[in-house]
């Protein structure tokens, strides 16, 4: 039989070595186990690395966001005045110009006489202009409301005032006429106002009667007559920049933009002492008046206390602390008046003190 070249000669094939094959099989199994273990470890390591990379990316996004939030934005100032418009309301009350305060009667914390009263009024008008010019750096102010809230004179309502006052009520009015006109002239010449509105309210001191009148209070008031004299003086000069509001009733209402305001002396709010000060009786009175005609702001004097409680402003005094203040246990306060700014959009933005006397007149009192 002829052999094919592809024919296998099984006789020549050696018999397999099963021991060697078993060893090799064991080696392969061990290698396979090691491979599976290494593969598992690699997978877990890879998962861990992926989580770390994801966390790093998230942290980087956060850091990029934080870094971006702190990038400085360049701001530009378009001009000196950024607001649209505001009106200044300057209170003047409780001058008690002819009353004397002897330092010995008030433990040396105050002194007052005609000379000091005159300098105090001059200081008031000058500092008022300084403050308004400062506020004009923020917002244009073309209109001024002068809130004259009464008690410009002390009068003769108490017997001791008849004994100690430097001037009689009529003489005091004549003295005031000169000083108030000087102040208004300064405002007209240096204030650059389009209009000055003067709200004229009488106090409880400048009356001709011993007891207070109600419906006829204006008829018996030296101050009411004084206001008319000053108004006539400027009307006779043809001064059209001043609007005079001299009413007969206790309240005067004036809308400043969209904000209705109420002006009065303050003596119809009864305060008999108490740890809360004037706040409780004032809030009660205003709440009752608002039932009839609600307003945005009340302005008043009488209590010789400068206080701004949001919906009302209490004016200070020019005279400062006196013997009567000690009797009624009033807190001594530096002689000062108030200036409030009413913004056309935002309403009352601030109330500032107008100090009418330098510190040396306070004799060490730092209130």
Protein backbone atom coordinates (compact mmCIF):
# COMPACT_ATOMS: atom_id res chain seq x y z
CA UNK A 1 0.00 0.00 0.00
CA UNK A 2 1.32 3.30 -1.12
CA UNK A 3 1.60 5.83 1.69
CA UNK A 4 0.22 9.36 1.31
CA UNK A 5 2.53 12.15 2.34
CA UNK A 6 -0.16 13.45 4.66
CA UNK A 7 -0.73 10.20 6.38
CA UNK A 8 0.11 10.20 10.09
CA UNK A 9 2.10 7.45 11.44
CA UNK A 10 0.45 6.93 14.78
CA UNK A 11 3.01 4.43 15.71
CA UNK A 12 5.68 7.02 15.79
CA UNK A 13 3.66 9.39 18.09
CA UNK A 14 4.85 9.15 21.61
CA UNK A 15 2.40 8.48 24.32
CA UNK A 16 1.30 11.63 26.23
CA UNK A 17 2.86 12.42 29.63
CA UNK A 18 -0.15 12.87 31.85
CA UNK A 19 1.84 14.08 34.86
CA UNK A 20 3.35 16.85 32.84
CA UNK A 21 -0.06 17.76 31.50
CA UNK A 22 -1.51 17.84 35.00
CA UNK A 23 1.27 20.11 36.20
CA UNK A 24 0.77 22.39 33.26
CA UNK A 25 -2.97 22.44 33.90
CA UNK A 26 -2.40 23.39 37.52
CA UNK A 27 -0.06 26.15 36.43
CA UNK A 28 -2.67 27.43 33.99
CA UNK A 29 -5.35 27.34 36.68
CA UNK A 30 -3.11 29.27 39.09
CA UNK A 31 -2.29 31.79 36.36
CA UNK A 32 -5.98 32.13 35.58
CA UNK A 33 -6.81 32.72 39.26
CA UNK A 34 -4.06 35.29 39.52
CA UNK A 35 -5.34 36.97 36.37
CA UNK A 36 -8.90 37.08 37.71
CA UNK A 37 -7.68 38.53 41.00
CA UNK A 38 -5.55 41.11 39.26
CA UNK A 39 -8.41 41.94 36.93
CA UNK A 40 -10.77 42.46 39.89
CA UNK A 41 -8.22 44.65 41.66
CA UNK A 42 -7.67 46.64 38.49
CA UNK A 43 -11.40 47.13 38.03
CA UNK A 44 -11.85 48.32 41.64
CA UNK A 45 -8.80 50.55 41.34
CA UNK A 46 -10.16 51.95 38.08
CA UNK A 47 -13.54 52.65 39.70
CA UNK A 48 -11.80 54.41 42.58
CA UNK A 49 -9.77 56.50 40.18
CA UNK A 50 -12.90 57.42 38.22
CA UNK A 51 -14.59 58.58 41.45
CA UNK A 52 -11.51 60.61 42.42
CA UNK A 53 -11.40 62.20 38.96
CA UNK A 54 -15.12 63.02 39.18
CA UNK A 55 -14.66 64.56 42.64
CA UNK A 56 -11.68 66.60 41.43
CA UNK A 57 -13.69 67.86 38.47
CA UNK A 58 -16.57 68.88 40.75
CA UNK A 59 -14.18 70.66 43.09
CA UNK A 60 -12.60 72.45 40.16
CA UNK A 61 -16.00 73.59 38.92
CA UNK A 62 -16.77 74.93 42.41
CA UNK A 63 -13.42 76.71 42.67
CA UNK A 64 -13.89 78.20 39.21
CA UNK A 65 -17.33 79.47 40.22
CA UNK A 66 -16.04 80.91 43.49
CA UNK A 67 -13.08 82.51 41.78
CA UNK A 68 -15.40 84.01 39.18
CA UNK A 69 -17.70 85.46 41.85
CA UNK A 70 -14.80 87.42 43.33
CA UNK A 71 -13.74 89.01 40.11
CA UNK A 72 -13.92 92.79 40.71
CA UNK A 73 -16.44 94.63 38.59
CA UNK A 74 -15.37 98.04 37.43
CA UNK A 75 -17.85 100.68 38.59
CA UNK A 76 -18.27 104.14 37.15
CA UNK A 77 -19.66 107.29 38.74
CA UNK A 78 -21.87 109.05 36.25
CA UNK A 79 -21.98 112.29 38.22
CA UNK A 80 -22.05 113.82 41.68
CA UNK A 81 -25.79 113.30 42.10
CA UNK A 82 -27.16 109.83 41.52
CA UNK A 83 -30.61 110.34 43.05
CA UNK A 84 -33.43 112.01 41.19
CA UNK A 85 -34.62 114.67 43.62
CA UNK A 86 -35.14 115.37 47.32
CA UNK A 87 -36.60 118.06 49.56
CA UNK A 88 -35.01 119.33 52.78
CA UNK A 89 -37.20 119.93 55.84
CA UNK A 90 -35.51 122.11 58.44
CA UNK A 91 -37.23 122.45 61.81
CA UNK A 92 -36.88 125.50 64.03
CA UNK A 93 -38.62 125.63 67.39
CA UNK A 94 -38.29 126.29 71.09
CA UNK A 95 -35.94 129.23 70.76
CA UNK A 96 -37.29 130.97 73.91
CA UNK A 97 -35.09 133.85 72.83
CA UNK A 98 -35.67 136.25 75.75
CA UNK A 99 -35.46 133.65 78.51
CA UNK A 100 -32.32 133.55 80.65
CA UNK A 101 -30.64 130.36 81.88
CA UNK A 102 -28.26 130.96 84.76
CA UNK A 103 -25.63 128.19 84.86
CA UNK A 104 -26.00 128.04 88.66
CA UNK A 105 -29.66 127.01 88.32
CA UNK A 106 -28.86 124.03 86.09
CA UNK A 107 -25.73 122.66 87.76
CA UNK A 108 -23.51 124.40 85.21
CA UNK A 109 -24.58 122.34 82.19
CA UNK A 110 -26.09 125.25 80.22
CA UNK A 111 -26.11 129.02 79.85
CA UNK A 112 -28.49 131.18 77.81
CA UNK A 113 -29.17 134.85 77.23
CA UNK A 114 -29.94 137.21 74.34
CA UNK A 115 -26.36 137.24 73.10
CA UNK A 116 -26.12 133.45 73.05
CA UNK A 117 -29.58 133.20 71.48
CA UNK A 118 -28.52 135.52 68.65
CA UNK A 119 -25.33 133.56 67.94
CA UNK A 120 -27.27 130.30 68.09
CA UNK A 121 -29.75 131.47 65.43
CA UNK A 122 -26.95 132.68 63.19
CA UNK A 123 -25.22 129.31 63.58
CA UNK A 124 -28.45 127.49 62.77
CA UNK A 125 -28.91 129.14 59.37
CA UNK A 126 -25.23 128.83 58.42
CA UNK A 127 -24.97 125.16 59.39
CA UNK A 128 -28.27 124.45 57.66
CA UNK A 129 -26.76 125.60 54.38
CA UNK A 130 -23.58 123.59 54.97
CA UNK A 131 -25.58 120.41 55.58
CA UNK A 132 -27.80 120.91 52.54
CA UNK A 133 -24.79 121.52 50.30
CA UNK A 134 -23.28 118.31 51.63
CA UNK A 135 -26.48 116.37 50.86
CA UNK A 136 -26.50 117.77 47.34
CA UNK A 137 -23.44 115.63 46.64
CA UNK A 138 -25.85 112.68 46.80
CA UNK A 139 -29.12 114.03 45.39
CA UNK A 140 -30.34 117.33 43.92
CA UNK A 141 -32.18 119.47 46.48
CA UNK A 142 -33.97 122.48 45.01
CA UNK A 143 -36.82 122.87 47.51
CA UNK A 144 -36.62 123.69 51.20
CA UNK A 145 -39.36 123.51 53.82
CA UNK A 146 -38.75 125.67 56.87
CA UNK A 147 -40.88 124.17 59.63
CA UNK A 148 -41.25 126.94 62.22
CA UNK A 149 -42.89 124.99 65.02
CA UNK A 150 -43.44 127.59 67.72
CA UNK A 151 -42.19 128.69 71.13
CA UNK A 152 -39.92 131.25 69.54
CA UNK A 153 -40.50 133.35 72.65
CA UNK A 154 -41.13 132.37 76.28
CA UNK A 155 -43.69 135.10 76.95
CA UNK A 156 -45.32 135.76 80.29
CA UNK A 157 -47.27 132.54 80.86
CA UNK A 158 -45.43 132.01 84.19
CA UNK A 159 -44.83 134.68 86.82
CA UNK A 160 -41.12 133.88 87.06
CA UNK A 161 -40.76 134.61 83.34
CA UNK A 162 -42.08 138.10 84.00
CA UNK A 163 -39.37 138.47 86.63
CA UNK A 164 -36.41 137.08 84.71
CA UNK A 165 -36.94 137.47 80.94
CA UNK A 166 -34.61 139.91 79.18
CA UNK A 167 -37.41 141.31 76.97
CA UNK A 168 -41.17 141.67 77.04
CA UNK A 169 -43.14 139.55 74.51
CA UNK A 170 -43.47 142.45 72.05
CA UNK A 171 -39.79 143.33 72.38
CA UNK A 172 -38.86 139.68 71.87
CA UNK A 173 -40.89 139.58 68.64
CA UNK A 174 -39.10 142.68 67.40
CA UNK A 175 -35.75 141.09 68.27
CA UNK A 176 -36.70 137.89 66.43
CA UNK A 177 -37.87 139.80 63.37
CA UNK A 178 -34.34 141.01 62.72
CA UNK A 179 -32.62 137.66 63.28
CA UNK A 180 -35.11 135.56 61.32
CA UNK A 181 -35.04 137.91 58.36
CA UNK A 182 -31.24 137.79 58.37
CA UNK A 183 -31.41 134.00 58.19
CA UNK A 184 -33.94 133.98 55.35
CA UNK A 185 -31.86 136.50 53.43
CA UNK A 186 -28.89 134.14 53.71
CA UNK A 187 -30.94 131.22 52.39
CA UNK A 188 -32.17 133.30 49.45
CA UNK A 189 -28.73 134.60 48.56
CA UNK A 190 -26.62 131.47 49.11
CA UNK A 191 -29.05 128.56 49.14
CA UNK A 192 -29.80 128.28 45.40
CA UNK A 193 -33.38 127.12 46.09
CA UNK A 194 -36.20 127.27 43.58
CA UNK A 195 -38.75 127.50 46.37
CA UNK A 196 -38.74 127.88 50.14
CA UNK A 197 -41.97 126.93 51.90
CA UNK A 198 -42.31 128.32 55.43
CA UNK A 199 -44.73 126.40 57.67
CA UNK A 200 -45.64 128.71 60.57
CA UNK A 201 -47.04 127.11 63.74
CA UNK A 202 -47.66 128.81 67.07
CA UNK A 203 -46.44 127.37 70.35
CA UNK A 204 -47.96 127.32 73.80
CA UNK A 205 -45.60 129.95 75.25
CA UNK A 206 -46.14 132.91 72.96
CA UNK A 207 -49.75 133.57 73.93
CA UNK A 208 -51.33 136.74 75.27
CA UNK A 209 -53.64 134.87 77.68
CA UNK A 210 -52.90 133.10 80.92
CA UNK A 211 -54.76 129.96 79.88
CA UNK A 212 -54.48 128.19 76.54
CA UNK A 213 -57.15 128.80 73.95
CA UNK A 214 -58.23 126.17 71.45
CA UNK A 215 -60.19 127.52 68.50
CA UNK A 216 -58.99 131.09 69.12
CA UNK A 217 -55.35 130.27 69.95
CA UNK A 218 -54.06 132.03 66.83
CA UNK A 219 -55.92 135.23 67.74
CA UNK A 220 -54.04 135.40 71.02
CA UNK A 221 -50.56 134.54 69.77
CA UNK A 222 -47.60 136.90 69.48
CA UNK A 223 -45.95 134.40 67.16
CA UNK A 224 -48.89 134.36 64.75
CA UNK A 225 -48.55 138.15 64.46
CA UNK A 226 -44.76 137.87 64.06
CA UNK A 227 -45.15 135.40 61.20
CA UNK A 228 -47.49 137.75 59.37
CA UNK A 229 -45.06 140.65 59.77
CA UNK A 230 -42.20 138.61 58.27
CA UNK A 231 -44.38 137.30 55.45
CA UNK A 232 -45.57 140.83 54.65
CA UNK A 233 -41.95 142.04 54.57
CA UNK A 234 -40.97 139.59 51.80
CA UNK A 235 -44.24 139.82 49.92
CA UNK A 236 -43.84 143.59 49.88
CA UNK A 237 -40.37 143.09 48.36
CA UNK A 238 -41.93 140.95 45.63
CA UNK A 239 -40.05 137.83 46.70
CA UNK A 240 -41.77 134.97 44.86
CA UNK A 241 -39.41 132.20 45.89
CA UNK A 242 -41.00 132.00 49.34
CA UNK A 243 -44.39 130.42 50.00
CA UNK A 244 -45.89 131.29 53.40
CA UNK A 245 -48.26 128.88 55.12
CA UNK A 246 -49.78 130.58 58.18
CA UNK A 247 -52.91 128.72 59.21
CA UNK A 248 -55.31 129.14 62.11
CA UNK A 249 -55.62 125.51 63.18
CA UNK A 250 -53.38 123.32 65.28
CA UNK A 251 -52.27 121.11 62.36
CA UNK A 252 -50.81 122.04 59.00
CA UNK A 253 -50.68 119.41 56.25
CA UNK A 254 -48.23 119.48 53.37
CA UNK A 255 -47.60 116.86 50.68
CA UNK A 256 -43.90 116.45 49.95
CA UNK A 257 -44.04 114.53 46.67
CA UNK A 258 -46.26 111.51 47.43
CA UNK A 259 -45.57 111.68 51.17
CA UNK A 260 -48.16 113.64 53.24
CA UNK A 261 -46.64 115.39 56.27
CA UNK A 262 -48.23 116.96 59.34
CA UNK A 263 -46.74 119.89 61.27
CA UNK A 264 -47.65 121.11 64.77
CA UNK A 265 -46.04 122.45 67.91
CA UNK A 266 -46.54 119.28 69.95
CA UNK A 267 -48.25 120.66 73.07
CA UNK A 268 -51.51 118.81 72.35
CA UNK A 269 -49.72 115.54 73.07
CA UNK A 270 -49.80 115.13 76.82
CA UNK A 271 -46.72 113.73 78.49
CA UNK A 272 -46.67 113.27 82.27
CA UNK A 273 -43.38 111.44 82.64
CA UNK A 274 -42.60 107.74 82.41
CA UNK A 275 -39.70 105.45 81.59
CA UNK A 276 -40.73 105.30 77.94
CA UNK A 277 -40.20 109.04 77.51
CA UNK A 278 -42.40 110.81 75.00
CA UNK A 279 -42.72 107.80 72.70
CA UNK A 280 -45.92 106.28 74.12
CA UNK A 281 -48.05 109.47 74.30
CA UNK A 282 -46.78 110.61 70.90
CA UNK A 283 -47.59 107.28 69.26
CA UNK A 284 -51.06 107.27 70.80
CA UNK A 285 -51.81 110.81 69.64
CA UNK A 286 -50.57 110.20 66.12
CA UNK A 287 -52.58 106.98 65.86
CA UNK A 288 -55.74 108.90 66.82
CA UNK A 289 -55.05 111.75 64.35
CA UNK A 290 -54.33 109.24 61.58
CA UNK A 291 -57.84 107.86 61.93
CA UNK A 292 -59.11 111.17 60.60
CA UNK A 293 -56.32 111.95 58.15
CA UNK A 294 -53.38 109.56 57.89
CA UNK A 295 -49.96 110.95 57.11
CA UNK A 296 -46.51 109.61 56.32
CA UNK A 297 -44.64 111.85 58.79
CA UNK A 298 -45.28 114.12 61.78
CA UNK A 299 -42.96 117.01 62.68
CA UNK A 300 -43.24 118.74 66.05
CA UNK A 301 -41.26 120.42 68.82
CA UNK A 302 -42.27 121.36 72.38
CA UNK A 303 -40.46 118.55 74.21
CA UNK A 304 -36.92 119.91 73.67
CA UNK A 305 -35.96 116.42 72.50
CA UNK A 306 -34.46 115.42 69.18
CA UNK A 307 -35.80 112.02 68.21
CA UNK A 308 -36.59 110.29 64.91
CA UNK A 309 -38.83 107.24 65.30
CA UNK A 310 -39.55 106.62 61.65
CA UNK A 311 -43.06 108.00 61.30
CA UNK A 312 -42.39 111.11 63.40
CA UNK A 313 -39.59 113.55 64.10
CA UNK A 314 -39.36 115.41 67.38
CA UNK A 315 -37.29 118.59 67.18
CA UNK A 316 -34.75 119.68 69.77
CA UNK A 317 -34.44 123.18 71.21
CA UNK A 318 -32.27 126.25 70.82
CA UNK A 319 -32.40 127.22 74.50
CA UNK A 320 -31.24 123.84 75.79
CA UNK A 321 -31.68 122.55 79.33
CA UNK A 322 -33.15 124.91 81.93
CA UNK A 323 -34.52 124.86 85.46
CA UNK A 324 -37.95 123.81 84.24
CA UNK A 325 -36.36 120.81 82.53
CA UNK A 326 -34.86 119.72 85.84
CA UNK A 327 -38.25 120.07 87.53
CA UNK A 328 -40.00 117.80 85.01
CA UNK A 329 -37.01 115.39 85.02
CA UNK A 330 -36.26 115.93 81.34
CA UNK A 331 -33.05 114.42 80.02
CA UNK A 332 -30.46 117.14 79.34
CA UNK A 333 -29.81 117.48 75.64
CA UNK A 334 -27.36 119.49 73.61
CA UNK A 335 -29.05 122.55 72.00
CA UNK A 336 -29.88 121.37 68.51
CA UNK A 337 -32.43 121.44 65.70
CA UNK A 338 -33.21 118.91 62.98
CA UNK A 339 -32.84 118.58 59.23
CA UNK A 340 -34.69 115.76 57.46
CA UNK A 341 -34.25 114.71 53.83
CA UNK A 342 -37.27 113.38 51.94
CA UNK A 343 -36.33 111.63 48.73
CA UNK A 344 -38.81 111.72 45.87
CA UNK A 345 -38.74 107.93 45.49
CA UNK A 346 -37.69 106.59 48.88
CA UNK A 347 -39.27 109.02 51.36
CA UNK A 348 -37.38 110.09 54.47
CA UNK A 349 -33.80 108.90 54.14
CA UNK A 350 -32.22 110.60 57.16
CA UNK A 351 -32.59 113.09 59.98
CA UNK A 352 -29.54 115.11 60.96
CA UNK A 353 -28.81 117.27 64.01
CA UNK A 354 -28.04 120.96 63.54
CA UNK A 355 -25.91 121.88 66.54
CA UNK A 356 -26.54 125.54 67.32
CA UNK A 357 -23.84 126.05 69.93
CA UNK A 358 -20.24 124.97 70.23
CA UNK A 359 -19.33 122.52 72.95
CA UNK A 360 -17.88 125.18 75.26
CA UNK A 361 -21.39 126.38 76.00
CA UNK A 362 -22.33 122.98 77.37
CA UNK A 363 -19.90 123.13 80.26
CA UNK A 364 -18.62 119.57 80.03
CA UNK A 365 -21.94 117.95 79.18
CA UNK A 366 -21.45 115.38 76.46
CA UNK A 367 -25.03 114.30 75.81
